[in-house]
Protein backbone atom coordinates (compact mmCIF):
# COMPACT_ATOMS: atom_id res chain seq x y z
CA UNK A 1 0.00 0.00 0.00
CA UNK A 2 1.28 3.48 -0.87
CA UNK A 3 2.41 5.62 2.05
CA UNK A 4 1.49 8.76 0.15
CA UNK A 5 -1.41 10.88 1.28
CA UNK A 6 -4.18 12.61 -0.64
CA UNK A 7 -4.21 16.00 -2.30
CA UNK A 8 -2.14 18.71 -0.61
CA UNK A 9 -1.89 22.48 -0.82
CA UNK A 10 1.38 24.30 -0.27
CA UNK A 11 0.36 27.66 1.14
CA UNK A 12 2.96 30.23 0.15
CA UNK A 13 3.17 33.08 2.65
CA UNK A 14 6.57 34.68 3.16
CA UNK A 15 8.41 31.82 1.44
CA UNK A 16 7.91 32.60 -2.25
CA UNK A 17 10.58 30.26 -3.59
CA UNK A 18 11.14 26.69 -4.74
CA UNK A 19 14.71 26.22 -3.44
CA UNK A 20 15.21 25.67 0.28
CA UNK A 21 11.49 25.40 0.90
CA UNK A 22 10.71 22.55 3.32
CA UNK A 23 6.95 22.89 2.97
CA UNK A 24 7.15 22.44 -0.79
CA UNK A 25 9.72 19.62 -0.66
CA UNK A 26 7.80 17.66 1.95
CA UNK A 27 4.48 18.11 0.18
CA UNK A 28 5.93 16.75 -3.06
CA UNK A 29 7.46 13.79 -1.25
CA UNK A 30 4.38 12.85 0.76
CA UNK A 31 1.41 13.71 -1.47
CA UNK A 32 -0.34 12.25 -4.48
CA UNK A 33 -1.23 15.66 -5.82
CA UNK A 34 0.28 19.06 -4.91
CA UNK A 35 -1.27 22.46 -5.54
CA UNK A 36 0.34 25.81 -4.78
CA UNK A 37 -1.74 28.54 -3.16
CA UNK A 38 -1.11 32.19 -2.42
CA UNK A 39 -3.58 34.71 -1.10
CA UNK A 40 -3.44 38.36 -2.14
CA UNK A 41 -5.99 39.67 0.33
CA UNK A 42 -7.58 43.02 -0.71
CA UNK A 43 -7.61 44.20 2.93
CA UNK A 44 -3.81 44.32 2.87
CA UNK A 45 -4.06 47.29 0.51
CA UNK A 46 -6.57 49.28 2.56
CA UNK A 47 -5.90 52.07 5.04
CA UNK A 48 -5.15 51.20 8.66
CA UNK A 49 -5.75 53.02 11.95
CA UNK A 50 -3.09 55.67 11.29
CA UNK A 51 -4.31 56.44 7.79
CA UNK A 52 -1.59 54.65 5.82
CA UNK A 53 -2.25 51.85 3.37
CA UNK A 54 -1.06 48.60 4.88
CA UNK A 55 0.88 47.94 1.69
CA UNK A 56 1.74 50.77 -0.69
CA UNK A 57 2.55 50.61 -4.38
CA UNK A 58 6.28 49.84 -4.08
CA UNK A 59 6.02 46.57 -2.16
CA UNK A 60 2.87 45.69 -4.09
CA UNK A 61 4.77 45.84 -7.37
CA UNK A 62 7.62 43.77 -5.94
CA UNK A 63 5.12 41.23 -4.59
CA UNK A 64 3.36 40.81 -7.93
CA UNK A 65 6.71 40.33 -9.67
CA UNK A 66 7.65 37.73 -7.05
CA UNK A 67 4.38 35.86 -7.57
CA UNK A 68 4.91 35.90 -11.34
CA UNK A 69 8.33 34.31 -10.88
CA UNK A 70 7.03 31.77 -8.37
CA UNK A 71 4.20 30.75 -10.69
CA UNK A 72 6.67 30.06 -13.49
CA UNK A 73 9.04 28.13 -11.21
CA UNK A 74 6.21 25.96 -9.89
CA UNK A 75 4.99 25.31 -13.43
CA UNK A 76 8.42 23.87 -14.23
CA UNK A 77 7.76 21.44 -11.34
CA UNK A 78 4.31 20.66 -12.84
CA UNK A 79 2.56 22.42 -9.97
CA UNK A 80 -0.25 24.94 -10.48
CA UNK A 81 -0.26 28.09 -8.34
CA UNK A 82 -3.70 29.26 -7.26
CA UNK A 83 -3.63 33.05 -6.91
CA UNK A 84 -6.53 34.00 -4.69
CA UNK A 85 -7.46 37.69 -4.78
CA UNK A 86 -10.17 37.53 -2.11
CA UNK A 87 -10.67 37.70 1.64
CA UNK A 88 -8.85 34.56 2.75
CA UNK A 89 -11.35 33.79 5.51
CA UNK A 90 -14.07 33.47 2.87
CA UNK A 91 -12.22 31.95 -0.05
CA UNK A 92 -9.55 29.50 1.16
CA UNK A 93 -12.06 26.87 2.21
CA UNK A 94 -13.67 26.90 -1.24
CA UNK A 95 -10.37 25.83 -2.85
CA UNK A 96 -9.78 23.24 -0.14
CA UNK A 97 -13.18 21.72 -0.87
CA UNK A 98 -12.96 22.08 -4.65
CA UNK A 99 -9.73 20.09 -4.87
CA UNK A 100 -10.49 17.64 -2.06
CA UNK A 101 -7.46 18.76 -0.05
CA UNK A 102 -6.51 16.71 3.02
CA UNK A 103 -3.26 18.43 4.02
CA UNK A 104 -1.78 21.92 4.01
CA UNK A 105 1.95 22.58 4.10
CA UNK A 106 3.12 26.04 5.12
CA UNK A 107 5.67 28.20 6.85
CA UNK A 108 5.09 28.54 10.58
CA UNK A 109 4.30 32.08 11.74
CA UNK A 110 3.55 33.53 15.18
CA UNK A 111 2.53 37.17 14.78
CA UNK A 112 -1.08 38.28 15.14
CA UNK A 113 -2.17 38.88 11.53
CA UNK A 114 -0.62 35.63 10.32
CA UNK A 115 -2.27 33.61 13.09
CA UNK A 116 -5.64 35.17 12.26
CA UNK A 117 -5.16 34.04 8.64
CA UNK A 118 -4.70 30.47 9.81
CA UNK A 119 -8.22 30.48 11.23
CA UNK A 120 -9.38 30.14 7.63
CA UNK A 121 -8.19 26.52 7.58
CA UNK A 122 -10.87 23.99 8.64
CA UNK A 123 -10.03 22.08 11.82
CA UNK A 124 -10.19 18.70 10.08
CA UNK A 125 -7.40 19.55 7.63
CA UNK A 126 -3.98 18.22 8.57
CA UNK A 127 -1.43 21.04 8.87
CA UNK A 128 2.34 20.74 8.48
CA UNK A 129 4.26 23.84 9.56
CA UNK A 130 7.94 24.62 9.09
CA UNK A 131 10.30 27.26 10.48
CA UNK A 132 11.99 28.12 7.21
CA UNK A 133 12.71 31.81 7.73
CA UNK A 134 15.71 31.49 10.04
CA UNK A 135 19.45 31.18 9.73
CA UNK A 136 19.61 29.09 12.91
CA UNK A 137 16.67 26.80 13.57
CA UNK A 138 14.44 27.48 16.60
CA UNK A 139 15.05 23.93 17.82
CA UNK A 140 18.79 24.59 17.96
CA UNK A 141 18.42 28.03 19.52
CA UNK A 142 16.17 26.58 22.22
CA UNK A 143 19.04 24.32 23.24
CA UNK A 144 21.21 27.30 24.19
CA UNK A 145 18.58 29.80 25.35
CA UNK A 146 15.55 29.51 27.56
CA UNK A 147 14.98 33.24 27.07
CA UNK A 148 16.47 35.38 24.31
CA UNK A 149 18.78 38.01 25.88
CA UNK A 150 18.11 41.72 25.61
CA UNK A 151 21.47 42.36 23.97
CA UNK A 152 22.39 41.15 20.50
CA UNK A 153 26.07 40.57 21.33
CA UNK A 154 25.28 37.77 23.77
CA UNK A 155 23.00 36.11 21.22
CA UNK A 156 25.55 36.43 18.43
CA UNK A 157 28.46 34.99 20.42
CA UNK A 158 26.57 31.94 21.65
CA UNK A 159 25.06 31.17 18.26
CA UNK A 160 28.46 31.42 16.58
CA UNK A 161 30.07 29.23 19.21
CA UNK A 162 27.51 26.46 19.54
CA UNK A 163 25.33 26.33 16.43
CA UNK A 164 25.66 25.39 12.78
CA UNK A 165 23.62 26.72 9.87
CA UNK A 166 21.82 23.90 8.09
CA UNK A 167 22.51 23.38 4.41
CA UNK A 168 19.71 24.66 2.14
CA UNK A 169 17.36 22.13 0.57
CA UNK A 170 17.70 21.64 -3.18
CA UNK A 171 14.94 22.38 -5.66
CA UNK A 172 12.65 19.30 -5.61
CA UNK A 173 12.22 17.05 -8.61
CA UNK A 174 9.20 17.83 -10.81
CA UNK A 175 5.97 15.96 -10.31
CA UNK A 176 4.27 14.12 -13.15
CA UNK A 177 2.76 16.40 -15.79
CA UNK A 178 -0.77 15.28 -14.88
CA UNK A 179 -0.32 17.00 -11.50
CA UNK A 180 -1.07 20.33 -13.19
CA UNK A 181 -4.62 21.63 -12.85
CA UNK A 182 -6.69 22.42 -15.90
CA UNK A 183 -7.28 25.96 -14.63
CA UNK A 184 -4.74 28.77 -14.95
CA UNK A 185 -5.03 31.38 -12.24
CA UNK A 186 -4.25 34.95 -13.28
CA UNK A 187 -2.14 37.39 -11.28
CA UNK A 188 -3.74 40.65 -10.13
CA UNK A 189 -2.40 43.88 -11.58
CA UNK A 190 -1.36 46.99 -9.68
CA UNK A 191 -4.60 48.52 -10.87
CA UNK A 192 -6.51 45.65 -9.28
CA UNK A 193 -4.82 46.51 -5.98
CA UNK A 194 -5.84 50.15 -6.27
CA UNK A 195 -2.64 51.62 -7.75
CA UNK A 196 -1.62 53.14 -11.04
CA UNK A 197 1.37 51.56 -12.71
CA UNK A 198 4.53 53.59 -12.27
CA UNK A 199 8.13 53.85 -13.33
CA UNK A 200 10.92 53.38 -10.80
CA UNK A 201 12.41 56.75 -9.83
CA UNK A 202 15.62 57.54 -11.73
CA UNK A 203 17.54 58.10 -8.47
CA UNK A 204 16.30 54.98 -6.72
CA UNK A 205 19.00 52.70 -5.32
CA UNK A 206 16.61 49.77 -5.65
CA UNK A 207 15.78 49.13 -9.29
CA UNK A 208 15.44 45.38 -8.95
CA UNK A 209 12.48 43.16 -9.78
CA UNK A 210 10.87 40.75 -7.34
CA UNK A 211 11.23 36.99 -7.47
CA UNK A 212 13.60 34.17 -6.63
CA UNK A 213 15.29 34.27 -10.05
CA UNK A 214 16.20 37.95 -9.74
CA UNK A 215 17.28 37.49 -6.14
CA UNK A 216 19.69 34.73 -7.13
CA UNK A 217 21.01 36.90 -9.96
CA UNK A 218 21.65 39.69 -7.45
CA UNK A 219 23.60 37.33 -5.18
CA UNK A 220 25.75 36.25 -8.11
CA UNK A 221 26.30 39.87 -9.12
CA UNK A 222 27.08 41.18 -5.63
CA UNK A 223 29.26 38.25 -4.61
CA UNK A 224 30.99 36.60 -7.55
CA UNK A 225 30.91 39.12 -10.41
CA UNK A 226 31.65 42.43 -8.67
CA UNK A 227 33.09 41.04 -5.40
CA UNK A 228 31.40 43.98 -3.68
CA UNK A 229 30.77 41.80 -0.64
CA UNK A 230 34.52 42.04 0.09
CA UNK A 231 34.02 45.79 0.68
CA UNK A 232 30.68 45.61 2.46
CA UNK A 233 31.84 46.68 5.93
CA UNK A 234 33.32 49.87 4.45
CA UNK A 235 30.38 50.74 2.19
CA UNK A 236 27.39 49.63 4.28
CA UNK A 237 26.73 53.15 5.63
CA UNK A 238 26.44 54.51 2.11
CA UNK A 239 23.43 56.43 0.88
CA UNK A 240 23.58 56.44 -2.93
CA UNK A 241 23.96 53.70 -5.52
CA UNK A 242 22.87 50.08 -5.71
CA UNK A 243 26.09 48.56 -4.35
CA UNK A 244 26.74 50.25 -0.99
CA UNK A 245 24.80 47.30 0.45
CA UNK A 246 23.66 43.91 -0.80
CA UNK A 247 19.97 44.90 -1.10
CA UNK A 248 19.07 41.27 -0.29
CA UNK A 249 16.52 42.38 2.32
CA UNK A 250 13.57 42.68 -0.07
CA UNK A 251 13.91 39.10 -1.33
CA UNK A 252 14.45 37.89 2.23
CA UNK A 253 11.35 39.76 3.40
CA UNK A 254 8.90 37.86 1.19
CA UNK A 255 10.98 34.71 1.21
CA UNK A 256 12.06 34.73 -2.42
CA UNK A 257 15.47 33.97 -0.94
CA UNK A 258 16.19 32.13 2.29
CA UNK A 259 18.80 33.22 4.82
CA UNK A 260 20.35 29.75 4.60
CA UNK A 261 20.71 30.04 0.83
CA UNK A 262 22.50 33.39 1.13
CA UNK A 263 24.72 32.05 3.91
CA UNK A 264 25.64 29.03 1.80
CA UNK A 265 26.61 31.29 -1.11
CA UNK A 266 28.59 33.48 1.26
CA UNK A 267 30.54 30.45 2.49
CA UNK A 268 31.18 29.47 -1.13
CA UNK A 269 32.54 32.96 -1.78
CA UNK A 270 34.76 32.83 1.31
CA UNK A 271 36.12 29.42 0.32
CA UNK A 272 36.77 30.24 -3.31
CA UNK A 273 37.55 33.96 -3.38
CA UNK A 274 38.04 35.81 -0.10
CA UNK A 275 37.14 35.78 3.56
CA UNK A 276 37.54 39.04 5.45
CA UNK A 277 35.78 41.30 7.95
CA UNK A 278 33.35 42.46 5.27
CA UNK A 279 32.14 38.97 4.43
CA UNK A 280 31.77 38.35 8.15
CA UNK A 281 29.74 41.55 8.46
CA UNK A 282 27.19 40.34 5.95
CA UNK A 283 26.73 37.22 8.07
CA UNK A 284 26.49 39.56 11.08
CA UNK A 285 23.53 41.35 9.44
CA UNK A 286 21.80 38.06 8.65
CA UNK A 287 22.14 37.17 12.32
CA UNK A 288 20.55 40.49 13.38
CA UNK A 289 17.59 39.50 11.24
CA UNK A 290 17.34 36.17 13.12
CA UNK A 291 17.67 37.98 16.44
CA UNK A 292 14.62 40.18 15.87
CA UNK A 293 12.56 37.17 14.82
CA UNK A 294 13.45 35.41 18.08
CA UNK A 295 12.72 38.56 20.09
CA UNK A 296 9.26 38.88 18.51
CA UNK A 297 8.62 35.17 19.06
CA UNK A 298 9.47 35.51 22.74
CA UNK A 299 7.60 38.73 23.50
CA UNK A 300 4.63 38.31 21.14
CA UNK A 301 2.14 41.17 21.52
CA UNK A 302 4.51 43.31 23.62
CA UNK A 303 6.51 43.63 20.42
CA UNK A 304 3.70 45.81 19.04
CA UNK A 305 2.47 47.54 22.21
CA UNK A 306 2.86 51.23 23.05
CA UNK A 307 5.40 50.52 25.80
CA UNK A 308 7.20 47.91 23.72
CA UNK A 309 9.30 45.29 25.47
CA UNK A 310 11.14 47.37 28.05
CA UNK A 311 9.08 50.56 28.09
CA UNK A 312 8.31 52.49 31.25
CA UNK A 313 5.01 54.19 30.47
CA UNK A 314 6.45 56.90 28.22
CA UNK A 315 4.03 59.54 27.04
CA UNK A 316 4.06 59.62 23.26
CA UNK A 317 2.82 62.45 21.08
CA UNK A 318 0.40 61.93 18.22
CA UNK A 319 0.43 65.57 17.16
CA UNK A 320 -0.46 65.62 13.49
CA UNK A 321 1.77 68.57 12.56
CA UNK A 322 4.85 66.71 13.85
CA UNK A 323 3.88 63.53 12.03
CA UNK A 324 3.22 65.31 8.74
CA UNK A 325 6.45 67.31 8.89
CA UNK A 326 8.35 64.04 9.31
CA UNK A 327 6.46 62.18 6.58
CA UNK A 328 6.74 65.06 4.11
CA UNK A 329 10.41 65.74 4.79
CA UNK A 330 9.73 69.19 6.24
CA UNK A 331 11.49 68.99 9.60
CA UNK A 332 14.33 71.25 10.79
CA UNK A 333 16.86 68.60 9.80
CA UNK A 334 17.80 68.39 6.12
CA UNK A 335 19.36 64.92 6.53
CA UNK A 336 16.10 63.56 7.94
CA UNK A 337 14.14 65.32 5.20
CA UNK A 338 16.27 63.86 2.40
CA UNK A 339 15.81 60.34 3.71
CA UNK A 340 12.06 60.75 4.06
CA UNK A 341 11.84 62.07 0.50
CA UNK A 342 13.79 59.07 -0.75
CA UNK A 343 11.40 56.72 1.03
CA UNK A 344 8.33 58.49 -0.36
CA UNK A 345 9.67 58.47 -3.93
CA UNK A 346 11.20 55.00 -4.03
CA UNK A 347 10.01 52.76 -1.19
CA UNK A 348 13.59 52.32 0.00
CA UNK A 349 16.02 53.90 2.43
CA UNK A 350 19.51 53.04 3.65
CA UNK A 351 20.11 51.48 7.06
CA UNK A 352 21.87 54.68 8.13
CA UNK A 353 18.85 56.71 7.07
CA UNK A 354 16.37 54.43 8.82
CA UNK A 355 18.18 54.74 12.13
CA UNK A 356 18.30 58.51 11.87
CA UNK A 357 14.69 59.14 10.91
CA UNK A 358 13.36 56.65 13.49
CA UNK A 359 15.55 58.08 16.22
CA UNK A 360 14.49 61.61 15.28
CA UNK A 361 10.76 60.84 15.30
CA UNK A 362 10.84 59.08 18.66
CA UNK A 363 13.64 60.81 20.57
CA UNK A 364 13.34 64.41 19.35
CA UNK A 365 9.75 64.77 18.17
CA UNK A 366 8.67 62.17 20.78
CA UNK A 367 5.99 60.85 18.44
CA UNK A 368 4.44 57.42 19.10
CA UNK A 369 6.87 54.93 17.59
CA UNK A 370 4.03 52.78 16.27
CA UNK A 371 3.06 55.52 13.82
CA UNK A 372 6.55 55.51 12.34
CA UNK A 373 6.64 51.72 12.26
CA UNK A 374 3.33 51.57 10.43
CA UNK A 375 4.43 54.22 7.92
CA UNK A 376 7.52 52.14 7.18
CA UNK A 377 5.31 49.06 6.88
CA UNK A 378 3.31 50.81 4.18
CA UNK A 379 6.22 52.19 2.15
CA UNK A 380 9.19 49.86 2.43
CA UNK A 381 9.75 47.32 -0.33
CA UNK A 382 11.71 45.20 2.13
CA UNK A 383 9.22 45.41 5.00
CA UNK A 384 9.64 42.49 7.37
CA UNK A 385 7.42 42.58 10.44
CA UNK A 386 10.14 41.40 12.85
CA UNK A 387 13.01 43.56 11.60
CA UNK A 388 10.81 46.61 11.15
CA UNK A 389 9.16 46.58 14.56
CA UNK A 390 12.34 45.34 16.26
CA UNK A 391 14.35 48.24 14.85
CA UNK A 392 11.68 50.77 15.74
CA UNK A 393 11.60 49.51 19.33
CA UNK A 394 15.39 49.67 19.36
CA UNK A 395 15.47 53.28 18.17
CA UNK A 396 12.62 54.31 20.47
CA UNK A 397 14.62 53.05 23.46
CA UNK A 398 12.05 50.45 24.50
CA UNK A 399 13.52 47.45 22.73
CA UNK A 400 16.89 45.77 22.51
CA UNK A 401 19.21 48.77 22.55
CA UNK A 402 21.66 48.44 25.44
CA UNK A 403 21.82 52.26 25.47
CA UNK A 404 18.12 53.16 25.28
CA UNK A 405 18.71 56.89 25.64
CA UNK A 406 21.08 57.17 22.67
CA UNK A 407 20.16 60.08 20.44
CA UNK A 408 21.53 60.80 17.00
CA UNK A 409 22.48 64.30 15.91
CA UNK A 410 21.27 64.39 12.28
CA UNK A 411 23.55 67.33 11.42
CA UNK A 412 26.63 65.48 12.61
CA UNK A 413 25.42 62.31 10.91
CA UNK A 414 25.09 64.27 7.67
CA UNK A 415 28.61 65.68 8.02
CA UNK A 416 29.98 62.19 8.55
CA UNK A 417 28.04 60.23 5.93
CA UNK A 418 27.18 62.94 3.39
CA UNK A 419 30.02 65.48 3.77
CA UNK A 420 29.61 66.97 0.31
CA UNK A 421 25.80 66.96 0.63
CA UNK A 422 25.44 64.95 -2.57
CA UNK A 423 22.73 62.79 -1.02
CA UNK A 424 20.75 65.71 0.37
CA UNK A 425 20.94 67.59 -2.93
CA UNK A 426 19.77 64.48 -4.79
CA UNK A 427 16.51 64.29 -2.87
CA UNK A 428 15.84 67.82 -1.64
CA UNK A 429 16.28 69.31 -5.10
CA UNK A 430 14.15 66.63 -6.75
C-alpha cells in the first residue's frame, strides 16, 4: 500500500521560492497531488488606523513580480499556483473543498495577523508547519537559550560558538505532468490593488524586480561578479547607488530567498575567493535578522504595544503637525528630510537613514513609535514585520538597545556620511 497521502496544498506566505522550501519539498514527497496557493488579500491594501495603506505601491509591485516568478518556477515542477485575490477567511475553504485537499503545508508564523489568517483553515485539515525563515533553527536556539537576551552581542556569540547553519534544501524534482490543474489562475495587476502603474524613480538605489530568479542573480552579481561583498563593511553606511549594500533584504522579506541560501553562497565565496571582515559583516547582518525574529517570538504582543518590550510608560505624542512634517520631509533637519523624500519616492532607504529618521521621530519629536513603524510598513519594499518593529523599538529606546537613551544628531550624521551633501541635494532638489 502506498504511504502517500491525498491532495495537498502548499500555502505560500513569506516563502515565495522553490529552493530551500521545506513545505514544498515535503508536500511533493508525501502527497499524491500538490497544488500551490497564495492569497493576495484586498484588505492588505486598505488604510489602517493611522491612515496609511497597509501595503503601498512599491512593495505591491515587488510582490506581484515575485508571484509571477514563483508561478513560473512551480509550473516547471508541474505544480499549479492558485492566486486567490479575495478575503482569505471566505475563499480559502472553497479551494480546499474544490480540490479535495486533506493536508496543508506552510511556513510557521507567530505574529497576530498571520495567526488570524490560519483560522481560515478547517479544523479537520492536517497542517504541516515549518520554520523556514531562520538562519539558525528554533530547535537549535532553544538548546542554548531559555529566554532570548536583551542584547544582540550575547546572542551572536553563543550562536556562533555552539550552532551550525543547516545546508539549504535543493529544488525538488518535478511531479508528473498530470499534476497540473486544468485551470490557470491569473495574477492581479497593480490597478486591481488600487494603484496606477509607475516607473521606478531615476535616483532609486533599488531598481530590482521581485522573485527568486532575480534574487539569485543579485547574489551572483554582488558576490561573484563584482566582489562587492569584500568591501561591504566599508560601504554599508552609504546612501547612494545600488552597491553600498547587498539589497538582499527585499527578497528575504517575502521569502524569495532564504537566509540559509545566502549564507551558503557566502561560504562558497569565502572558500573560493576571499574571507575578510566584510564577508563576516554580511553574516552579522543576517544574524541580526534572526535575532529580531526570536525577540518577537518571545515577546509576542509586547513587540507591538505602546510601551514595547522594556518601556516604562512613556508619554508619546500623536500631534499631526509633527507627524506630517516628518512624513513630508519638512522637519528642521535636512538629513532627515532627504531620507524621508527618498522613502516616499522610491520605497527604499539606507540602514543609516532608517536609524536617523526613526531616532528623530521618537527621541526628538517624541511621536508614538508605532506611527513611524506603520508608515515604514506601508512604504518599504523590504518590510519584514520582525526587523521593522524590532528596529523601531530599538530606536525608540524600549527594545533591545543596550543604550536606550542614545540620540543621533542628524547634522553630525550628515557631516559624517554625506560630507559633500550629494545625497541631500539628490533628494531635496528633486
